Amino acid sequence: MIDIAALVPADIAYLDFYLLILASFATSLMTAALGVGGGIVLIVLMALLVPPAALIPIHGIIQVGSNGGRVAIMAKDVVWQPILPFLIGSLIGAIAGGLLAVQLPNWLFQLGLGTFILVVVFAKLPPVQQKYIFAGGIISSFLTMFFGATGNFIAAMVKTMNLEPLPHVATHSMMMTFQHLIKVIVFGIIGFNFAPYVWLVAGMLISGFFGTVIGRQFLIRAGQHYFKPVLNTILALAACRLIYAGVTDIIGT
């Protein structure tokens, strides 16, 4: 008989293990049904349950699976022209960010992530024109090494292409898949050990896949007017919690 407790990473609580798997299902369903939102919600939830050093690498793997699943379903709708410059820019940004990410103390990470989330929630991101996609790849991939969820930044960039809904989602998902895959590889190269989290990752990937499949079956229309304010409130409260934890760490040192 398999010892379930032995599958749980030593630095993650037993209950949190299952909460993370459930969160992956729920946020993948959210992204599939609404087109956006899942990645940033997942990084917030994981920030409350996962050790800071493991947060961005593990979130990256989950996002590779989540976005990759959407790409597999909608591959024929991907607009390929901007992918190569974005990919090259992402390589440069991820390598530069990876050289610095491992040097961040926990308090700075918590303050940075909390502030980043508040900016995403309350600031209107300016569109990045298609001719600046190479630079957008560098900037967004540099930021994702620290804060994980840069989907809104890339969505603003894809928006300027004026694509139909399916090509928009497919192209955005392809960019996110490449960006997160590069991030995971860079973290592996600089020494992060993914092995203790293999069962957590497997559970989150499987539950995320089912969330995507179910989410595609419907679009949330009823109550959508209220969805964004509620979502923003939850994100803002979680961001304030992270900032509070960072300030507490500073005071306690």
Protein backbone atom coordinates (compact mmCIF):
# COMPACT_ATOMS: atom_id res chain seq x y z
CA MET A 1 0.00 0.00 0.00
CA ILE A 2 1.28 3.48 -0.89
CA ASP A 3 2.08 5.69 2.07
CA ILE A 4 0.31 8.92 1.07
CA ALA A 5 2.08 10.92 3.76
CA ALA A 6 5.45 10.00 2.20
CA LEU A 7 4.42 11.73 -1.03
CA VAL A 8 3.97 15.09 0.69
CA PRO A 9 7.07 17.37 0.65
CA ALA A 10 8.61 17.83 4.09
CA ASP A 11 8.22 21.62 4.00
CA ILE A 12 4.51 21.58 3.06
CA ALA A 13 1.71 20.72 5.50
CA TYR A 14 -0.37 17.61 4.77
CA LEU A 15 -3.63 19.58 4.37
CA ASP A 16 -1.90 22.24 2.25
CA PHE A 17 -0.80 19.48 -0.15
CA TYR A 18 -4.43 18.76 -1.02
CA LEU A 19 -5.44 22.41 -0.97
CA LEU A 20 -2.80 23.12 -3.62
CA ILE A 21 -4.11 20.32 -5.84
CA LEU A 22 -7.64 21.71 -5.46
CA ALA A 23 -6.37 25.24 -6.19
CA SER A 24 -4.76 24.05 -9.43
CA PHE A 25 -8.10 22.57 -10.54
CA ALA A 26 -10.05 25.71 -9.65
CA THR A 27 -7.65 28.19 -11.25
CA SER A 28 -7.30 26.16 -14.44
CA LEU A 29 -11.10 26.04 -14.68
CA MET A 30 -11.15 29.81 -14.16
CA THR A 31 -8.64 30.49 -16.93
CA ALA A 32 -10.36 28.13 -19.38
CA ALA A 33 -13.76 29.67 -18.67
CA LEU A 34 -12.76 33.32 -18.51
CA GLY A 35 -9.55 33.44 -20.54
CA VAL A 36 -7.49 35.09 -17.77
CA GLY A 37 -7.08 35.19 -14.02
CA GLY A 38 -5.98 31.67 -13.08
CA GLY A 39 -2.23 32.21 -13.02
CA ILE A 40 -2.25 35.24 -10.74
CA VAL A 41 -4.78 33.64 -8.36
CA LEU A 42 -2.70 30.47 -8.18
CA ILE A 43 0.53 32.34 -7.38
CA VAL A 44 -1.27 34.17 -4.56
CA LEU A 45 -2.65 30.95 -3.08
CA MET A 46 0.68 29.17 -3.44
CA ALA A 47 2.49 32.09 -1.78
CA LEU A 48 0.46 31.38 1.35
CA LEU A 49 1.18 27.63 1.37
CA VAL A 50 4.53 27.00 -0.36
CA PRO A 51 8.01 27.97 0.93
CA PRO A 52 9.27 31.11 -0.87
CA ALA A 53 12.30 29.34 -2.35
CA ALA A 54 10.06 26.75 -4.05
CA LEU A 55 7.17 29.03 -5.02
CA ILE A 56 8.27 30.38 -8.43
CA PRO A 57 9.86 27.15 -9.76
CA ILE A 58 6.84 24.99 -8.82
CA HIS A 59 4.35 27.57 -10.08
CA GLY A 60 6.31 27.61 -13.34
CA ILE A 61 5.89 23.87 -13.89
CA ILE A 62 2.16 24.06 -13.18
CA GLN A 63 1.79 26.93 -15.64
CA VAL A 64 3.68 24.99 -18.33
CA GLY A 65 1.11 22.22 -17.96
CA SER A 66 -1.88 24.58 -17.79
CA ASN A 67 -0.92 26.74 -20.77
CA GLY A 68 0.49 23.80 -22.69
CA GLY A 69 -2.85 22.01 -22.39
CA ARG A 70 -4.64 24.98 -23.93
CA VAL A 71 -2.05 25.15 -26.73
CA ALA A 72 -2.55 21.45 -27.49
CA ILE A 73 -6.27 22.03 -27.82
CA MET A 74 -5.99 25.25 -29.85
CA ALA A 75 -2.68 24.81 -31.72
CA LYS A 76 -4.24 25.54 -35.11
CA ASP A 77 -5.29 28.98 -33.87
CA VAL A 78 -1.80 30.14 -32.78
CA VAL A 79 -0.42 33.18 -34.63
CA TRP A 80 3.24 32.22 -35.05
CA GLN A 81 4.78 35.45 -36.35
CA PRO A 82 5.45 37.03 -32.93
CA ILE A 83 6.50 33.79 -31.21
CA LEU A 84 10.18 33.72 -32.27
CA PRO A 85 11.12 37.28 -31.17
CA PHE A 86 9.22 36.71 -27.93
CA LEU A 87 11.04 33.41 -27.37
CA ILE A 88 14.49 34.98 -27.91
CA GLY A 89 13.61 37.87 -25.60
CA SER A 90 12.34 35.42 -22.98
CA LEU A 91 15.62 33.52 -23.00
CA ILE A 92 17.56 36.71 -22.34
CA GLY A 93 15.18 37.94 -19.62
CA ALA A 94 14.97 34.60 -17.80
CA ILE A 95 18.75 34.13 -17.70
CA ALA A 96 19.27 37.67 -16.40
CA GLY A 97 16.52 37.24 -13.79
CA GLY A 98 17.79 33.81 -12.77
CA LEU A 99 21.19 35.23 -11.88
CA LEU A 100 19.51 37.60 -9.41
CA ALA A 101 16.47 35.63 -8.20
CA VAL A 102 18.46 33.27 -6.01
CA GLN A 103 19.91 36.23 -4.10
CA LEU A 104 16.60 37.67 -2.87
CA PRO A 105 15.89 37.41 0.88
CA ASN A 106 12.43 36.16 1.85
CA TRP A 107 11.22 39.54 3.12
CA LEU A 108 12.13 41.25 -0.14
CA PHE A 109 10.41 38.53 -2.14
CA GLN A 110 7.23 38.87 -0.08
CA LEU A 111 7.21 42.67 -0.37
CA GLY A 112 7.95 42.50 -4.09
CA LEU A 113 5.29 39.90 -4.87
CA GLY A 114 2.67 41.68 -2.77
CA THR A 115 3.42 45.00 -4.46
CA PHE A 116 3.44 43.39 -7.92
CA ILE A 117 0.00 41.89 -7.31
CA LEU A 118 -1.41 45.25 -6.18
CA VAL A 119 -0.05 46.85 -9.38
CA VAL A 120 -1.66 44.12 -11.50
CA VAL A 121 -4.99 44.55 -9.69
CA PHE A 122 -5.24 48.34 -9.61
CA ALA A 123 -3.02 49.66 -12.42
CA LYS A 124 -4.12 49.60 -16.05
CA LEU A 125 -1.23 48.04 -17.94
CA PRO A 126 -0.37 49.93 -21.13
CA PRO A 127 -0.52 47.92 -24.35
CA VAL A 128 2.82 46.81 -25.77
CA GLN A 129 2.80 47.15 -29.54
CA GLN A 130 3.70 44.15 -31.64
CA LYS A 131 6.97 45.71 -32.83
CA TYR A 132 8.17 45.71 -29.20
CA ILE A 133 7.51 42.00 -28.61
CA PHE A 134 11.24 41.19 -28.34
CA ALA A 135 11.64 43.79 -25.57
CA GLY A 136 8.36 42.61 -24.01
CA GLY A 137 9.75 39.08 -23.87
CA ILE A 138 12.87 40.29 -22.05
CA ILE A 139 10.97 42.40 -19.51
CA SER A 140 8.18 39.91 -18.76
CA SER A 141 10.57 36.95 -18.46
CA PHE A 142 12.87 38.92 -16.16
CA LEU A 143 9.88 39.75 -13.93
CA THR A 144 8.50 36.20 -13.97
CA MET A 145 11.71 34.91 -12.36
CA PHE A 146 10.77 36.93 -9.28
CA PHE A 147 6.98 37.19 -9.27
CA GLY A 148 5.80 34.24 -11.36
CA ALA A 149 2.58 35.50 -12.93
CA THR A 150 3.11 37.97 -15.79
CA GLY A 151 0.15 36.81 -17.85
CA ASN A 152 -1.56 40.21 -17.70
CA PHE A 153 1.54 41.91 -19.07
CA ILE A 154 1.69 39.50 -22.02
CA ALA A 155 -2.07 39.70 -22.53
CA ALA A 156 -1.73 43.49 -22.95
CA MET A 157 0.93 42.85 -25.57
CA VAL A 158 -1.17 40.30 -27.48
CA LYS A 159 -4.16 42.64 -27.33
CA THR A 160 -2.43 45.08 -29.73
CA MET A 161 -2.46 42.37 -32.42
CA ASN A 162 -6.27 42.74 -32.66
CA LEU A 163 -6.84 39.01 -32.94
CA GLU A 164 -10.12 37.13 -32.79
CA PRO A 165 -10.84 35.49 -29.39
CA LEU A 166 -9.54 31.99 -30.22
CA PRO A 167 -6.26 33.15 -31.84
CA HIS A 168 -5.78 35.61 -28.96
CA VAL A 169 -6.09 32.91 -26.28
CA ALA A 170 -4.04 30.41 -28.30
CA THR A 171 -1.19 32.86 -29.00
CA HIS A 172 -1.16 34.12 -25.42
CA SER A 173 -1.05 30.53 -24.13
CA MET A 174 1.83 29.65 -26.47
CA MET A 175 3.87 32.62 -25.23
CA MET A 176 3.15 31.73 -21.61
CA THR A 177 4.09 28.08 -22.21
CA PHE A 178 7.48 29.05 -23.64
CA GLN A 179 8.13 31.62 -20.93
CA HIS A 180 7.34 29.29 -18.04
CA LEU A 181 9.26 26.41 -19.65
CA ILE A 182 12.35 28.58 -20.00
CA LYS A 183 11.94 29.71 -16.39
CA VAL A 184 11.74 26.12 -15.11
CA ILE A 185 14.85 25.14 -17.08
CA VAL A 186 16.80 28.14 -15.75
CA PHE A 187 15.83 27.33 -12.14
CA GLY A 188 16.97 23.75 -12.70
CA ILE A 189 20.30 24.93 -14.09
CA ILE A 190 20.95 27.27 -11.15
CA GLY A 191 20.36 24.43 -8.71
CA PHE A 192 16.73 24.20 -7.61
CA ASN A 193 15.86 20.61 -6.61
CA PHE A 194 12.44 19.69 -8.03
CA ALA A 195 12.57 16.07 -6.79
CA PRO A 196 10.87 16.56 -3.36
CA TYR A 197 7.88 18.17 -5.08
CA VAL A 198 7.34 15.63 -7.86
CA TRP A 199 4.09 14.20 -6.45
CA LEU A 200 2.72 17.64 -5.65
CA VAL A 201 3.47 18.75 -9.20
CA ALA A 202 1.92 15.59 -10.65
CA GLY A 203 -1.26 16.08 -8.61
CA MET A 204 -1.55 19.74 -9.55
CA LEU A 205 -0.95 19.03 -13.25
CA ILE A 206 -3.60 16.30 -13.34
CA SER A 207 -6.17 18.37 -11.44
CA GLY A 208 -5.33 21.39 -13.62
CA PHE A 209 -5.97 19.36 -16.76
CA PHE A 210 -9.42 18.36 -15.54
CA GLY A 211 -10.08 21.98 -14.60
CA THR A 212 -9.22 23.04 -18.15
CA VAL A 213 -11.43 20.36 -19.71
CA ILE A 214 -14.40 21.27 -17.53
CA GLY A 215 -13.82 25.01 -17.91
CA ARG A 216 -13.95 24.75 -21.69
CA GLN A 217 -17.47 23.38 -21.49
CA PHE A 218 -18.92 26.69 -20.46
CA LEU A 219 -18.20 30.40 -20.30
CA ILE A 220 -19.06 32.22 -17.13
CA ARG A 221 -21.62 34.82 -18.16
CA ALA A 222 -24.07 35.01 -15.28
CA GLY A 223 -22.54 37.04 -12.52
CA GLN A 224 -19.48 38.01 -14.55
CA HIS A 225 -20.19 41.64 -13.71
CA TYR A 226 -19.44 40.82 -10.08
CA PHE A 227 -16.57 38.44 -10.73
CA LYS A 228 -13.80 40.96 -11.31
CA PRO A 229 -14.50 43.12 -8.23
CA VAL A 230 -14.63 40.04 -6.00
CA LEU A 231 -11.48 38.61 -7.55
CA ASN A 232 -9.63 41.92 -7.18
CA THR A 233 -10.67 42.16 -3.53
CA ILE A 234 -9.35 38.67 -2.78
CA LEU A 235 -6.08 39.37 -4.58
CA ALA A 236 -5.63 42.72 -2.82
CA LEU A 237 -6.19 41.17 0.62
CA ALA A 238 -3.73 38.37 -0.14
CA ALA A 239 -1.17 40.90 -1.42
CA CYS A 240 -1.52 42.93 1.78
CA ARG A 241 -0.97 39.72 3.75
CA LEU A 242 2.28 39.10 1.86
CA ILE A 243 3.44 42.70 2.41
CA TYR A 244 2.61 42.39 6.12
CA ALA A 245 4.65 39.16 6.32
CA GLY A 246 7.58 40.89 4.63
CA VAL A 247 7.45 43.88 6.99
CA THR A 248 7.18 41.52 9.97
CA ASP A 249 10.30 39.67 8.80
CA ILE A 250 12.19 42.98 8.57
CA ILE A 251 11.12 44.03 12.07
CA GLY A 252 11.97 40.63 13.49
CA THR A 253 15.51 40.65 12.11
